[in-house]
C-alpha cells in the first residue's frame, strides 16, 4: 500500500507536468492556463448543480423510509471529483469530469457492489463454535444448522413460572 501512495503522490504530479508541457507547447502559456482555470470553473458549477440534485434525491429517499445508499455513493464520487478538479492539471480534471457522468458512477457503483458481495463471508457461531455456511440454500438468509432444546415447560433458574414471557 505505501508503494501505491508513493506512486500517486509522485507519479501523478510528474504526469501532470508532462501534459502541461505538451499542451503548453501546442497552445502556448496563456491559453493553457486559461484552459486550466476554465475547467475549474466548469467543474465547480457542475459540482454545485449535481451536489444539490443528489442531496434532494437523498432527502426524498429518507422521506420514503429508504436508506439513500445510491445517493451516498454519488455524493462521495462528486466530492472526489471536486477535489480532483481543484487540483491543477489535465489528467485529474479529466478523471473528475468523468465522475460527473451518472452512467460512469452507476458503473463504478455496480463494480464496487459486485466486489464487496464477492468478498463477504458468512460466519455463524453455535455454542461458541464456528459453523460453515454451505451456500446451497435458496432462502433470503443464511441457513443455520443447530440443535435446540424446548424449555417452554420449565422455568428459567431463579425465576417463577408465572414471570415467564408468553410464547409468540
N, C-alpha and C. Protein backbone atom coordinates (compact mmCIF):
# COMPACT_ATOMS: atom_id res chain seq x y z
N UNK A 1 0.81 -1.20 0.00
CA UNK A 1 0.00 0.00 0.00
C UNK A 1 0.86 1.27 0.00
N UNK A 2 1.96 1.33 0.77
CA UNK A 2 2.78 2.54 0.73
C UNK A 2 3.35 2.82 -0.66
N UNK A 3 3.62 1.78 -1.44
CA UNK A 3 4.15 1.99 -2.79
C UNK A 3 3.08 2.64 -3.67
N UNK A 4 1.82 2.23 -3.49
CA UNK A 4 0.73 2.82 -4.25
C UNK A 4 0.57 4.30 -3.91
N UNK A 5 0.63 4.61 -2.63
CA UNK A 5 0.51 6.01 -2.20
C UNK A 5 1.68 6.82 -2.75
N UNK A 6 2.88 6.26 -2.68
CA UNK A 6 4.05 6.94 -3.21
C UNK A 6 3.91 7.17 -4.72
N UNK A 7 3.41 6.17 -5.42
CA UNK A 7 3.22 6.31 -6.88
C UNK A 7 2.20 7.40 -7.20
N UNK A 8 1.14 7.49 -6.40
CA UNK A 8 0.12 8.51 -6.65
C UNK A 8 0.68 9.90 -6.38
N UNK A 9 1.36 10.08 -5.25
CA UNK A 9 1.84 11.41 -4.88
C UNK A 9 3.06 11.87 -5.67
N UNK A 10 3.77 10.97 -6.30
CA UNK A 10 4.91 11.36 -7.13
C UNK A 10 4.57 11.19 -8.61
N UNK A 11 3.93 10.09 -8.97
CA UNK A 11 3.64 9.80 -10.37
C UNK A 11 2.64 10.75 -10.99
N UNK A 12 1.55 11.04 -10.28
CA UNK A 12 0.51 11.91 -10.85
C UNK A 12 1.05 13.32 -11.10
N UNK A 13 1.73 13.96 -10.16
CA UNK A 13 2.28 15.29 -10.47
C UNK A 13 3.27 15.28 -11.63
N UNK A 14 4.09 14.23 -11.74
CA UNK A 14 5.03 14.15 -12.86
C UNK A 14 4.29 14.03 -14.19
N UNK A 15 3.23 13.21 -14.21
CA UNK A 15 2.41 13.11 -15.43
C UNK A 15 1.73 14.44 -15.76
N UNK A 16 1.23 15.11 -14.74
CA UNK A 16 0.58 16.41 -14.95
C UNK A 16 1.57 17.43 -15.54
N UNK A 17 2.79 17.44 -15.03
CA UNK A 17 3.80 18.37 -15.55
C UNK A 17 4.09 18.04 -17.02
N UNK A 18 4.21 16.76 -17.34
CA UNK A 18 4.48 16.36 -18.72
C UNK A 18 3.35 16.80 -19.65
N UNK A 19 2.10 16.62 -19.19
CA UNK A 19 0.95 17.02 -20.00
C UNK A 19 0.91 18.54 -20.14
N UNK A 20 1.20 19.27 -19.05
CA UNK A 20 1.27 20.74 -19.12
C UNK A 20 2.28 21.19 -20.17
N UNK A 21 3.44 20.57 -20.18
CA UNK A 21 4.48 20.94 -21.13
C UNK A 21 4.02 20.67 -22.56
N UNK A 22 3.39 19.51 -22.78
CA UNK A 22 2.92 19.17 -24.12
C UNK A 22 1.83 20.14 -24.59
N UNK A 23 0.84 20.36 -23.76
CA UNK A 23 -0.27 21.25 -24.14
C UNK A 23 0.22 22.69 -24.22
N UNK A 24 1.10 23.09 -23.30
CA UNK A 24 1.66 24.44 -23.35
C UNK A 24 2.47 24.67 -24.61
N UNK A 25 3.19 23.66 -25.06
CA UNK A 25 3.93 23.80 -26.32
C UNK A 25 3.02 23.88 -27.52
N UNK A 26 1.86 23.26 -27.44
CA UNK A 26 0.92 23.25 -28.55
C UNK A 26 0.06 24.53 -28.56
N UNK A 27 -0.48 24.91 -27.37
CA UNK A 27 -1.37 26.07 -27.29
C UNK A 27 -0.65 27.37 -26.90
N UNK A 28 0.39 27.25 -26.13
CA UNK A 28 1.04 28.44 -25.56
C UNK A 28 0.70 28.54 -24.08
N UNK A 29 1.43 29.42 -23.38
CA UNK A 29 1.29 29.54 -21.93
C UNK A 29 -0.09 30.02 -21.51
N UNK A 30 -0.53 31.18 -21.99
CA UNK A 30 -1.77 31.78 -21.51
C UNK A 30 -3.01 30.97 -21.88
N UNK A 31 -3.13 30.45 -23.09
CA UNK A 31 -4.30 29.59 -23.36
C UNK A 31 -4.32 28.33 -22.48
N UNK A 32 -3.14 27.79 -22.18
CA UNK A 32 -3.08 26.60 -21.31
C UNK A 32 -3.56 26.94 -19.91
N UNK A 33 -3.07 28.06 -19.36
CA UNK A 33 -3.54 28.48 -18.02
C UNK A 33 -5.02 28.82 -18.03
N UNK A 34 -5.49 29.45 -19.10
CA UNK A 34 -6.91 29.75 -19.23
C UNK A 34 -7.76 28.49 -19.27
N UNK A 35 -7.26 27.47 -19.94
CA UNK A 35 -7.97 26.20 -20.01
C UNK A 35 -8.06 25.53 -18.64
N UNK A 36 -6.99 25.61 -17.86
CA UNK A 36 -7.00 25.04 -16.51
C UNK A 36 -8.01 25.78 -15.64
N UNK A 37 -8.04 27.10 -15.73
CA UNK A 37 -9.00 27.90 -14.94
C UNK A 37 -10.43 27.61 -15.41
N UNK A 38 -10.62 27.48 -16.72
CA UNK A 38 -11.95 27.19 -17.26
C UNK A 38 -12.47 25.84 -16.76
N UNK A 39 -11.62 24.82 -16.74
CA UNK A 39 -12.07 23.52 -16.24
C UNK A 39 -12.42 23.59 -14.76
N UNK A 40 -11.70 24.40 -13.99
CA UNK A 40 -12.01 24.56 -12.57
C UNK A 40 -13.37 25.24 -12.38
N UNK A 41 -13.64 26.28 -13.19
CA UNK A 41 -14.92 27.00 -13.08
C UNK A 41 -16.08 26.09 -13.50
N UNK A 42 -15.93 25.39 -14.62
CA UNK A 42 -16.99 24.49 -15.09
C UNK A 42 -17.20 23.36 -14.07
N UNK A 43 -16.12 22.84 -13.53
CA UNK A 43 -16.22 21.77 -12.54
C UNK A 43 -16.92 22.23 -11.27
N UNK A 44 -16.63 23.44 -10.83
CA UNK A 44 -17.28 23.98 -9.63
C UNK A 44 -18.78 24.16 -9.87
N UNK A 45 -19.13 24.68 -11.04
CA UNK A 45 -20.55 24.86 -11.37
C UNK A 45 -21.26 23.51 -11.43
N UNK A 46 -20.64 22.54 -12.09
CA UNK A 46 -21.23 21.21 -12.22
C UNK A 46 -21.34 20.51 -10.86
N UNK A 47 -20.32 20.69 -10.02
CA UNK A 47 -20.35 20.09 -8.68
C UNK A 47 -21.50 20.65 -7.86
N UNK A 48 -21.71 21.95 -7.94
CA UNK A 48 -22.81 22.57 -7.20
C UNK A 48 -24.15 22.04 -7.69
N UNK A 49 -24.35 21.99 -9.01
CA UNK A 49 -25.63 21.55 -9.57
C UNK A 49 -25.90 20.08 -9.23
N UNK A 50 -24.92 19.22 -9.47
CA UNK A 50 -25.15 17.80 -9.21
C UNK A 50 -25.19 17.50 -7.71
N UNK A 51 -24.43 18.24 -6.93
CA UNK A 51 -24.45 18.04 -5.48
C UNK A 51 -25.81 18.36 -4.89
N UNK A 52 -26.42 19.46 -5.33
CA UNK A 52 -27.75 19.83 -4.84
C UNK A 52 -28.80 18.81 -5.31
N UNK A 53 -28.68 18.33 -6.54
CA UNK A 53 -29.62 17.32 -7.03
C UNK A 53 -29.48 16.02 -6.25
N UNK A 54 -28.25 15.63 -5.94
CA UNK A 54 -28.03 14.41 -5.16
C UNK A 54 -28.57 14.56 -3.74
N UNK A 55 -28.39 15.73 -3.17
CA UNK A 55 -28.93 15.99 -1.82
C UNK A 55 -30.46 15.91 -1.83
N UNK A 56 -31.09 16.45 -2.86
CA UNK A 56 -32.56 16.38 -2.96
C UNK A 56 -33.02 14.93 -3.10
N UNK A 57 -32.30 14.12 -3.90
CA UNK A 57 -32.66 12.71 -4.04
C UNK A 57 -32.47 11.96 -2.72
N UNK A 58 -31.43 12.31 -1.99
CA UNK A 58 -31.19 11.66 -0.69
C UNK A 58 -32.31 11.99 0.29
N UNK A 59 -32.73 13.25 0.31
CA UNK A 59 -33.84 13.64 1.19
C UNK A 59 -35.12 12.92 0.82
N UNK A 60 -35.38 12.77 -0.48
CA UNK A 60 -36.58 12.05 -0.93
C UNK A 60 -36.52 10.59 -0.50
N UNK A 61 -35.35 9.98 -0.63
CA UNK A 61 -35.20 8.57 -0.23
C UNK A 61 -35.41 8.43 1.28
N UNK A 62 -34.87 9.33 2.05
CA UNK A 62 -35.05 9.28 3.51
C UNK A 62 -36.51 9.49 3.87
N UNK A 63 -37.18 10.45 3.20
CA UNK A 63 -38.60 10.68 3.46
C UNK A 63 -39.44 9.46 3.12
N UNK A 64 -38.99 8.68 2.12
CA UNK A 64 -39.72 7.46 1.74
C UNK A 64 -39.35 6.28 2.63
N UNK A 65 -38.47 6.49 3.60
CA UNK A 65 -38.09 5.43 4.52
C UNK A 65 -37.02 4.51 3.98
N UNK A 66 -36.31 4.94 2.95
CA UNK A 66 -35.26 4.12 2.36
C UNK A 66 -33.89 4.67 2.74
N UNK A 67 -32.92 3.79 2.77
CA UNK A 67 -31.55 4.21 3.01
C UNK A 67 -30.97 4.73 1.70
N UNK A 68 -30.48 5.97 1.67
CA UNK A 68 -30.02 6.56 0.41
C UNK A 68 -28.60 6.11 0.02
N UNK A 69 -28.41 4.82 -0.18
CA UNK A 69 -27.07 4.31 -0.47
C UNK A 69 -26.57 4.80 -1.83
N UNK A 70 -27.43 4.80 -2.83
CA UNK A 70 -27.01 5.28 -4.15
C UNK A 70 -26.60 6.75 -4.08
N UNK A 71 -27.38 7.54 -3.37
CA UNK A 71 -27.09 8.96 -3.25
C UNK A 71 -25.81 9.20 -2.44
N UNK A 72 -25.58 8.34 -1.44
CA UNK A 72 -24.35 8.48 -0.65
C UNK A 72 -23.13 8.17 -1.52
N UNK A 73 -23.23 7.13 -2.35
CA UNK A 73 -22.12 6.80 -3.25
C UNK A 73 -21.91 7.93 -4.27
N UNK A 74 -23.01 8.44 -4.83
CA UNK A 74 -22.89 9.54 -5.78
C UNK A 74 -22.28 10.77 -5.12
N UNK A 75 -22.67 11.04 -3.89
CA UNK A 75 -22.10 12.18 -3.16
C UNK A 75 -20.61 12.02 -2.93
N UNK A 76 -20.19 10.80 -2.60
CA UNK A 76 -18.76 10.55 -2.40
C UNK A 76 -17.99 10.72 -3.71
N UNK A 77 -18.57 10.23 -4.81
CA UNK A 77 -17.93 10.41 -6.12
C UNK A 77 -17.84 11.89 -6.48
N UNK A 78 -18.90 12.65 -6.20
CA UNK A 78 -18.88 14.08 -6.51
C UNK A 78 -17.87 14.82 -5.64
N UNK A 79 -17.75 14.41 -4.39
CA UNK A 79 -16.75 15.02 -3.51
C UNK A 79 -15.34 14.75 -4.04
N UNK A 80 -15.10 13.52 -4.46
CA UNK A 80 -13.80 13.15 -5.03
C UNK A 80 -13.56 13.91 -6.34
N UNK A 81 -14.61 14.04 -7.16
CA UNK A 81 -14.50 14.79 -8.42
C UNK A 81 -14.14 16.25 -8.14
N UNK A 82 -14.77 16.83 -7.13
CA UNK A 82 -14.46 18.22 -6.79
C UNK A 82 -13.02 18.39 -6.34
N UNK A 83 -12.52 17.44 -5.56
CA UNK A 83 -11.13 17.51 -5.12
C UNK A 83 -10.18 17.38 -6.31
N UNK A 84 -10.52 16.50 -7.26
CA UNK A 84 -9.68 16.35 -8.45
C UNK A 84 -9.71 17.60 -9.32
N UNK A 85 -10.86 18.25 -9.41
CA UNK A 85 -10.95 19.46 -10.23
C UNK A 85 -10.25 20.65 -9.59
N UNK A 86 -10.14 20.66 -8.29
CA UNK A 86 -9.41 21.75 -7.63
C UNK A 86 -7.90 21.56 -7.75
N UNK A 87 -7.48 20.32 -8.03
CA UNK A 87 -6.07 20.05 -8.25
C UNK A 87 -5.73 20.48 -9.67
N UNK A 88 -4.76 21.40 -9.83
CA UNK A 88 -4.46 21.84 -11.19
C UNK A 88 -3.85 20.72 -12.02
N UNK A 89 -4.39 20.53 -13.20
CA UNK A 89 -3.86 19.52 -14.10
C UNK A 89 -4.94 18.98 -15.00
N UNK A 90 -4.53 18.48 -16.13
CA UNK A 90 -5.48 17.98 -17.11
C UNK A 90 -5.89 16.54 -16.84
N UNK A 91 -5.01 15.73 -16.30
CA UNK A 91 -5.35 14.34 -16.00
C UNK A 91 -6.37 14.27 -14.87
N UNK A 92 -6.10 14.99 -13.79
CA UNK A 92 -7.05 14.99 -12.67
C UNK A 92 -8.37 15.63 -13.07
N UNK A 93 -8.33 16.68 -13.92
CA UNK A 93 -9.58 17.28 -14.39
C UNK A 93 -10.38 16.31 -15.25
N UNK A 94 -9.71 15.53 -16.06
CA UNK A 94 -10.41 14.55 -16.91
C UNK A 94 -11.08 13.48 -16.06
N UNK A 95 -10.35 12.96 -15.08
CA UNK A 95 -10.95 11.96 -14.19
C UNK A 95 -12.12 12.56 -13.41
N UNK A 96 -11.94 13.78 -12.92
CA UNK A 96 -13.01 14.47 -12.19
C UNK A 96 -14.24 14.68 -13.05
N UNK A 97 -14.03 15.07 -14.31
CA UNK A 97 -15.17 15.29 -15.21
C UNK A 97 -15.91 13.97 -15.51
N UNK A 98 -15.15 12.89 -15.63
CA UNK A 98 -15.80 11.59 -15.85
C UNK A 98 -16.69 11.21 -14.66
N UNK A 99 -16.30 11.60 -13.45
CA UNK A 99 -17.11 11.27 -12.27
C UNK A 99 -18.41 12.07 -12.22
N UNK A 100 -18.53 13.10 -13.04
CA UNK A 100 -19.79 13.84 -13.12
C UNK A 100 -20.81 13.14 -14.00
N UNK A 101 -20.39 12.16 -14.78
CA UNK A 101 -21.30 11.46 -15.68
C UNK A 101 -22.03 10.36 -14.88
N UNK A 102 -23.37 10.44 -14.79
CA UNK A 102 -24.12 9.46 -13.98
C UNK A 102 -23.89 8.01 -14.39
N UNK A 103 -23.73 7.72 -15.67
CA UNK A 103 -23.52 6.34 -16.09
C UNK A 103 -22.17 5.81 -15.63
N UNK A 104 -21.18 6.69 -15.55
CA UNK A 104 -19.86 6.28 -15.03
C UNK A 104 -19.99 5.94 -13.55
N UNK A 105 -20.71 6.77 -12.80
CA UNK A 105 -20.92 6.49 -11.37
C UNK A 105 -21.71 5.21 -11.18
N UNK A 106 -22.72 4.98 -12.03
CA UNK A 106 -23.51 3.74 -11.93
C UNK A 106 -22.64 2.52 -12.20
N UNK A 107 -21.76 2.62 -13.19
CA UNK A 107 -20.84 1.53 -13.49
C UNK A 107 -19.91 1.26 -12.30
N UNK A 108 -19.35 2.32 -11.72
CA UNK A 108 -18.46 2.16 -10.56
C UNK A 108 -19.22 1.58 -9.37
N UNK A 109 -20.45 2.03 -9.17
CA UNK A 109 -21.27 1.52 -8.06
C UNK A 109 -21.53 0.03 -8.23
N UNK A 110 -21.86 -0.40 -9.46
CA UNK A 110 -22.11 -1.81 -9.74
C UNK A 110 -20.86 -2.64 -9.52
N UNK A 111 -19.73 -2.17 -10.02
CA UNK A 111 -18.47 -2.90 -9.86
C UNK A 111 -18.10 -3.02 -8.38
N UNK A 112 -18.27 -1.93 -7.62
CA UNK A 112 -17.96 -1.97 -6.20
C UNK A 112 -18.89 -2.92 -5.46
N UNK A 113 -20.18 -2.91 -5.80
CA UNK A 113 -21.13 -3.81 -5.16
C UNK A 113 -20.78 -5.27 -5.45
N UNK A 114 -20.41 -5.57 -6.68
CA UNK A 114 -20.01 -6.95 -7.01
C UNK A 114 -18.76 -7.35 -6.26
N UNK A 115 -17.80 -6.44 -6.19
CA UNK A 115 -16.56 -6.74 -5.48
C UNK A 115 -16.82 -6.98 -3.99
N UNK A 116 -17.65 -6.14 -3.40
CA UNK A 116 -17.94 -6.30 -1.97
C UNK A 116 -18.76 -7.54 -1.69
N UNK A 117 -19.72 -7.85 -2.55
CA UNK A 117 -20.53 -9.05 -2.31
C UNK A 117 -19.71 -10.32 -2.51
N UNK A 118 -18.72 -10.28 -3.39
CA UNK A 118 -17.88 -11.46 -3.60
C UNK A 118 -16.89 -11.66 -2.46
N UNK A 119 -16.57 -10.58 -1.75
CA UNK A 119 -15.57 -10.71 -0.69
C UNK A 119 -16.18 -10.87 0.70
N UNK A 120 -17.50 -10.85 0.80
CA UNK A 120 -18.16 -11.00 2.10
C UNK A 120 -18.30 -12.48 2.43
N UNK A 121 -17.94 -12.86 3.63
CA UNK A 121 -18.10 -14.23 4.09
C UNK A 121 -19.13 -14.27 5.20
N UNK A 122 -19.86 -15.37 5.27
CA UNK A 122 -20.85 -15.55 6.32
C UNK A 122 -20.26 -16.48 7.38
N UNK A 123 -20.31 -16.02 8.62
CA UNK A 123 -19.84 -16.85 9.73
C UNK A 123 -20.98 -16.98 10.73
N UNK A 124 -21.29 -18.21 11.09
CA UNK A 124 -22.35 -18.48 12.06
C UNK A 124 -21.71 -19.20 13.23
N UNK A 125 -22.04 -18.74 14.43
CA UNK A 125 -21.49 -19.36 15.63
C UNK A 125 -22.63 -20.01 16.42
N UNK A 126 -22.46 -21.28 16.74
CA UNK A 126 -23.42 -22.02 17.55
C UNK A 126 -22.65 -22.58 18.74
N UNK A 127 -23.08 -22.24 19.94
CA UNK A 127 -22.42 -22.67 21.17
C UNK A 127 -20.93 -22.36 21.15
N UNK A 128 -20.60 -21.19 20.64
CA UNK A 128 -19.20 -20.76 20.61
C UNK A 128 -18.36 -21.40 19.54
N UNK A 129 -18.94 -22.27 18.71
CA UNK A 129 -18.18 -22.94 17.66
C UNK A 129 -18.64 -22.40 16.30
N UNK A 130 -17.66 -22.09 15.45
CA UNK A 130 -17.99 -21.54 14.14
C UNK A 130 -18.50 -22.64 13.22
N UNK A 131 -19.62 -22.36 12.57
CA UNK A 131 -20.20 -23.28 11.60
C UNK A 131 -19.99 -22.67 10.22
N UNK A 132 -19.78 -23.49 9.22
CA UNK A 132 -19.58 -23.01 7.87
C UNK A 132 -20.93 -22.87 7.16
N UNK A 133 -21.09 -21.78 6.41
CA UNK A 133 -22.28 -21.58 5.60
C UNK A 133 -22.07 -22.31 4.29
N UNK A 134 -22.90 -23.32 4.02
CA UNK A 134 -22.69 -24.17 2.85
C UNK A 134 -23.07 -23.47 1.55
N UNK A 135 -23.92 -22.46 1.60
CA UNK A 135 -24.26 -21.70 0.41
C UNK A 135 -25.16 -22.42 -0.58
N UNK A 136 -25.79 -23.56 -0.20
CA UNK A 136 -26.64 -24.28 -1.14
C UNK A 136 -28.12 -24.07 -0.86
N UNK A 137 -28.47 -23.05 -0.14
CA UNK A 137 -29.86 -22.79 0.20
C UNK A 137 -30.45 -21.77 -0.77
N UNK A 138 -31.77 -21.72 -0.82
CA UNK A 138 -32.46 -20.82 -1.75
C UNK A 138 -33.16 -19.67 -1.03
N UNK A 139 -33.14 -19.64 0.28
CA UNK A 139 -33.87 -18.62 1.03
C UNK A 139 -33.18 -17.28 1.05
N UNK A 140 -33.81 -16.29 1.70
CA UNK A 140 -33.25 -14.94 1.70
C UNK A 140 -32.04 -14.77 2.62
N UNK A 141 -31.84 -15.66 3.57
CA UNK A 141 -30.74 -15.50 4.50
C UNK A 141 -29.95 -16.77 4.65
N UNK A 142 -28.95 -16.76 5.54
CA UNK A 142 -28.13 -17.97 5.71
C UNK A 142 -28.92 -19.07 6.42
N UNK A 143 -28.59 -20.31 6.11
CA UNK A 143 -29.18 -21.46 6.78
C UNK A 143 -28.30 -21.75 7.99
N UNK A 144 -28.92 -21.83 9.13
CA UNK A 144 -28.18 -22.09 10.36
C UNK A 144 -28.60 -23.45 10.87
N UNK A 145 -27.70 -24.42 10.84
CA UNK A 145 -27.97 -25.75 11.37
C UNK A 145 -27.60 -25.74 12.84
N UNK A 146 -28.42 -26.36 13.65
CA UNK A 146 -28.09 -26.41 15.07
C UNK A 146 -29.05 -27.30 15.82
N UNK A 147 -28.71 -27.60 17.06
CA UNK A 147 -29.56 -28.37 17.94
C UNK A 147 -30.33 -27.40 18.82
N UNK A 148 -31.50 -27.83 19.25
CA UNK A 148 -32.27 -26.99 20.16
C UNK A 148 -32.88 -27.84 21.25
N UNK A 149 -33.29 -27.17 22.31
CA UNK A 149 -33.92 -27.83 23.43
C UNK A 149 -35.14 -27.01 23.79
N UNK A 150 -36.29 -27.67 23.90
CA UNK A 150 -37.53 -26.99 24.23
C UNK A 150 -37.55 -26.73 25.73
N UNK A 151 -37.58 -25.48 26.11
CA UNK A 151 -37.56 -25.12 27.53
C UNK A 151 -38.84 -24.40 27.92
N UNK A 152 -39.89 -24.49 27.10
CA UNK A 152 -41.11 -23.75 27.38
C UNK A 152 -41.86 -24.28 28.60
N UNK A 153 -41.71 -25.55 28.98
CA UNK A 153 -42.42 -26.10 30.13
C UNK A 153 -41.66 -25.89 31.43
N UNK A 154 -40.40 -25.60 31.37
CA UNK A 154 -39.64 -25.42 32.60
C UNK A 154 -39.30 -23.95 32.76
N UNK A 155 -39.25 -23.49 33.98
CA UNK A 155 -38.93 -22.09 34.27
C UNK A 155 -37.42 -21.90 34.29
N UNK A 156 -36.94 -20.76 33.82
CA UNK A 156 -35.50 -20.49 33.93
C UNK A 156 -35.09 -20.44 35.40
N UNK A 157 -33.84 -20.75 35.67
CA UNK A 157 -33.38 -20.79 37.05
C UNK A 157 -33.51 -19.42 37.70
N UNK A 158 -34.01 -19.43 38.93
CA UNK A 158 -34.13 -18.21 39.70
C UNK A 158 -35.39 -17.43 39.40
N UNK A 159 -36.27 -17.94 38.54
CA UNK A 159 -37.49 -17.20 38.21
C UNK A 159 -38.70 -18.10 38.42
N UNK A 160 -39.77 -17.51 38.73
CA UNK A 160 -41.02 -18.24 38.93
C UNK A 160 -41.66 -18.54 37.57
N UNK A 161 -42.40 -19.66 37.44
CA UNK A 161 -43.07 -19.96 36.18
C UNK A 161 -44.10 -18.90 35.80
N UNK A 162 -44.55 -18.11 36.76
CA UNK A 162 -45.57 -17.08 36.48
C UNK A 162 -44.95 -15.87 35.82
N UNK A 163 -43.65 -15.67 35.91
CA UNK A 163 -42.99 -14.50 35.31
C UNK A 163 -42.44 -14.80 33.92
N UNK A 164 -42.83 -15.94 33.35
CA UNK A 164 -42.33 -16.32 32.04
C UNK A 164 -42.87 -15.36 30.97
N UNK A 165 -42.10 -15.18 29.91
CA UNK A 165 -42.55 -14.41 28.77
C UNK A 165 -43.42 -15.32 27.94
N UNK A 166 -44.63 -14.94 27.60
CA UNK A 166 -45.52 -15.81 26.83
C UNK A 166 -44.95 -16.05 25.43
N UNK A 167 -45.19 -17.25 24.88
CA UNK A 167 -44.72 -17.53 23.52
C UNK A 167 -45.48 -16.69 22.50
N UNK A 168 -44.85 -16.45 21.36
CA UNK A 168 -45.49 -15.62 20.32
C UNK A 168 -46.37 -16.43 19.44
